[in-house]
Amino acid sequence: MARRPKRSHNGGPPLDDYKGPPWGKGDPYIFLAWQAAHAKAWKAPSREVMLMRMNKAERLGLTYDEYMLEILERGRHLREEDTERISAIKAARKRRRARHLD
């Protein structure tokens, strides 16, 4: 009988150095579905879309990766009116940079 995943588990593939099939001890279908979803999410957009997003990220004071992560995680494009969320992203950037120096 298969064990039920923990409440916080998202059903994705294992992240440790497992010496076995890439899907671990779980269902290969779930692994392949996650792999396909990851590839689709990070598929390179057209040149025009990428340039548009880069310009918008620059106007907002964010990096392209920060802007893209916001689109992928929250499903919405940031605007100038979203000052609260933009400042939260910038604050997280500073925390990451400070943690790196420790």
C-alpha atoms as a PDB file:
ATOM      1  CA  MET A   1       0.000   0.000   0.000  1.00  0.00           C
ATOM      2  CA  ALA A   2       1.430   3.375  -1.019  1.00  0.00           C
ATOM      3  CA  ARG A   3       2.027   5.943   1.694  1.00  0.00           C
ATOM      4  CA  ARG A   4       0.041   9.141   1.546  1.00  0.00           C
ATOM      5  CA  PRO A   5       2.231  12.199   0.941  1.00  0.00           C
ATOM      6  CA  LYS A   6       2.665  14.770   3.692  1.00  0.00           C
ATOM      7  CA  ARG A   7       0.242  17.662   3.730  1.00  0.00           C
ATOM      8  CA  SER A   8       2.855  20.092   2.392  1.00  0.00           C
ATOM      9  CA  HIS A   9       4.048  17.763  -0.400  1.00  0.00           C
ATOM     10  CA  ASN A  10       3.228  19.012  -3.902  1.00  0.00           C
ATOM     11  CA  GLY A  11       3.542  15.646  -5.655  1.00  0.00           C
ATOM     12  CA  GLY A  12       6.651  16.648  -7.584  1.00  0.00           C
ATOM     13  CA  PRO A  13       9.742  14.528  -8.164  1.00  0.00           C
ATOM     14  CA  PRO A  14      12.239  13.884  -5.363  1.00  0.00           C
ATOM     15  CA  LEU A  15      14.994  16.480  -4.964  1.00  0.00           C
ATOM     16  CA  ASP A  16      17.662  14.424  -3.190  1.00  0.00           C
ATOM     17  CA  ASP A  17      20.394  12.194  -4.639  1.00  0.00           C
ATOM     18  CA  TYR A  18      18.259   9.117  -5.108  1.00  0.00           C
ATOM     19  CA  LYS A  19      19.962   6.159  -6.809  1.00  0.00           C
ATOM     20  CA  GLY A  20      17.109   4.750  -8.814  1.00  0.00           C
ATOM     21  CA  PRO A  21      14.643   5.778 -11.487  1.00  0.00           C
ATOM     22  CA  PRO A  22      14.239   9.549 -11.859  1.00  0.00           C
ATOM     23  CA  TRP A  23      10.646   9.433 -10.577  1.00  0.00           C
ATOM     24  CA  GLY A  24      11.725   7.867  -7.293  1.00  0.00           C
ATOM     25  CA  LYS A  25       9.370   5.427  -5.644  1.00  0.00           C
ATOM     26  CA  GLY A  26       6.293   7.241  -6.896  1.00  0.00           C
ATOM     27  CA  ASP A  27       4.223   7.129 -10.021  1.00  0.00           C
ATOM     28  CA  PRO A  28       6.203   7.690 -13.256  1.00  0.00           C
ATOM     29  CA  TYR A  29       3.193   9.422 -14.813  1.00  0.00           C
ATOM     30  CA  ILE A  30       3.234  12.150 -12.144  1.00  0.00           C
ATOM     31  CA  PHE A  31       6.972  12.642 -12.664  1.00  0.00           C
ATOM     32  CA  LEU A  32       6.561  12.980 -16.422  1.00  0.00           C
ATOM     33  CA  ALA A  33       3.609  15.363 -15.995  1.00  0.00           C
ATOM     34  CA  TRP A  34       5.684  17.600 -13.697  1.00  0.00           C
ATOM     35  CA  GLN A  35       8.619  17.451 -16.089  1.00  0.00           C
ATOM     36  CA  ALA A  36       6.401  18.504 -19.008  1.00  0.00           C
ATOM     37  CA  ALA A  37       4.777  21.299 -16.971  1.00  0.00           C
ATOM     38  CA  HIS A  38       8.197  22.641 -15.975  1.00  0.00           C
ATOM     39  CA  ALA A  39       9.413  22.617 -19.569  1.00  0.00           C
ATOM     40  CA  LYS A  40       6.236  24.376 -20.743  1.00  0.00           C
ATOM     41  CA  ALA A  41       6.436  27.037 -18.016  1.00  0.00           C
ATOM     42  CA  TRP A  42      10.059  27.911 -18.762  1.00  0.00           C
ATOM     43  CA  LYS A  43       9.792  27.649 -22.556  1.00  0.00           C
ATOM     44  CA  ALA A  44      11.443  30.661 -24.151  1.00  0.00           C
ATOM     45  CA  PRO A  45       8.846  33.173 -25.380  1.00  0.00           C
ATOM     46  CA  SER A  46       9.095  34.884 -28.725  1.00  0.00           C
ATOM     47  CA  ARG A  47      11.645  37.652 -29.114  1.00  0.00           C
ATOM     48  CA  GLU A  48       8.994  40.376 -29.092  1.00  0.00           C
ATOM     49  CA  VAL A  49       7.362  39.086 -25.902  1.00  0.00           C
ATOM     50  CA  MET A  50      10.734  38.754 -24.181  1.00  0.00           C
ATOM     51  CA  LEU A  51      11.720  42.322 -25.122  1.00  0.00           C
ATOM     52  CA  MET A  52       8.354  43.639 -23.946  1.00  0.00           C
ATOM     53  CA  ARG A  53       8.741  41.861 -20.581  1.00  0.00           C
ATOM     54  CA  MET A  54      12.338  43.043 -20.209  1.00  0.00           C
ATOM     55  CA  ASN A  55      11.279  46.658 -20.807  1.00  0.00           C
ATOM     56  CA  LYS A  56       8.410  46.391 -18.358  1.00  0.00           C
ATOM     57  CA  ALA A  57      10.629  44.771 -15.710  1.00  0.00           C
ATOM     58  CA  GLU A  58      13.203  47.527 -16.174  1.00  0.00           C
ATOM     59  CA  ARG A  59      10.534  50.236 -15.815  1.00  0.00           C
ATOM     60  CA  LEU A  60       9.365  48.603 -12.569  1.00  0.00           C
ATOM     61  CA  GLY A  61      12.936  48.287 -11.251  1.00  0.00           C
ATOM     62  CA  LEU A  62      12.940  44.476 -11.330  1.00  0.00           C
ATOM     63  CA  THR A  63      15.081  41.931 -13.104  1.00  0.00           C
ATOM     64  CA  TYR A  64      13.623  39.868 -15.922  1.00  0.00           C
ATOM     65  CA  ASP A  65      13.742  36.735 -13.745  1.00  0.00           C
ATOM     66  CA  GLU A  66      11.900  38.438 -10.887  1.00  0.00           C
ATOM     67  CA  TYR A  67       9.221  39.677 -13.276  1.00  0.00           C
ATOM     68  CA  MET A  68       8.865  36.239 -14.911  1.00  0.00           C
ATOM     69  CA  LEU A  69       8.634  34.483 -11.539  1.00  0.00           C
ATOM     70  CA  GLU A  70       5.821  36.830 -10.569  1.00  0.00           C
ATOM     71  CA  ILE A  71       3.952  35.910 -13.746  1.00  0.00           C
ATOM     72  CA  LEU A  72       4.528  32.184 -13.233  1.00  0.00           C
ATOM     73  CA  GLU A  73       3.828  32.105  -9.491  1.00  0.00           C
ATOM     74  CA  ARG A  74       0.909  34.541  -9.265  1.00  0.00           C
ATOM     75  CA  GLY A  75      -0.439  34.423 -12.819  1.00  0.00           C
ATOM     76  CA  ARG A  76      -0.556  38.178 -13.224  1.00  0.00           C
ATOM     77  CA  HIS A  77       1.531  40.896 -14.813  1.00  0.00           C
ATOM     78  CA  LEU A  78       2.721  43.644 -12.489  1.00  0.00           C
ATOM     79  CA  ARG A  79       1.817  47.281 -13.139  1.00  0.00           C
ATOM     80  CA  GLU A  80       3.108  50.567 -11.771  1.00  0.00           C
ATOM     81  CA  GLU A  81       0.177  50.610  -9.309  1.00  0.00           C
ATOM     82  CA  ASP A  82       1.412  47.397  -7.633  1.00  0.00           C
ATOM     83  CA  THR A  83       3.942  49.290  -5.523  1.00  0.00           C
ATOM     84  CA  GLU A  84       3.392  47.120  -2.464  1.00  0.00           C
ATOM     85  CA  ARG A  85       4.210  43.867  -4.296  1.00  0.00           C
ATOM     86  CA  ILE A  86       7.160  45.428  -6.148  1.00  0.00           C
ATOM     87  CA  SER A  87       8.700  46.671  -2.906  1.00  0.00           C
ATOM     88  CA  ALA A  88       8.203  43.209  -1.368  1.00  0.00           C
ATOM     89  CA  ILE A  89      10.109  41.652  -4.287  1.00  0.00           C
ATOM     90  CA  LYS A  90      12.925  44.190  -3.906  1.00  0.00           C
ATOM     91  CA  ALA A  91      13.081  43.575  -0.142  1.00  0.00           C
ATOM     92  CA  ALA A  92      13.360  39.819  -0.758  1.00  0.00           C
ATOM     93  CA  ARG A  93      16.196  40.530  -3.196  1.00  0.00           C
ATOM     94  CA  LYS A  94      18.080  42.432  -0.492  1.00  0.00           C
ATOM     95  CA  ARG A  95      17.525  39.610   2.010  1.00  0.00           C
ATOM     96  CA  ARG A  96      18.838  37.032  -0.475  1.00  0.00           C
ATOM     97  CA  ARG A  97      21.911  39.168  -1.162  1.00  0.00           C
ATOM     98  CA  ALA A  98      22.603  39.668   2.562  1.00  0.00           C
ATOM     99  CA  ARG A  99      22.140  35.948   3.278  1.00  0.00           C
ATOM    100  CA  HIS A 100      24.628  35.151   0.507  1.00  0.00           C
ATOM    101  CA  LEU A 101      27.273  37.286   2.213  1.00  0.00           C
ATOM    102  CA  ASP A 102      26.917  35.526   5.597  1.00  0.00           C
END
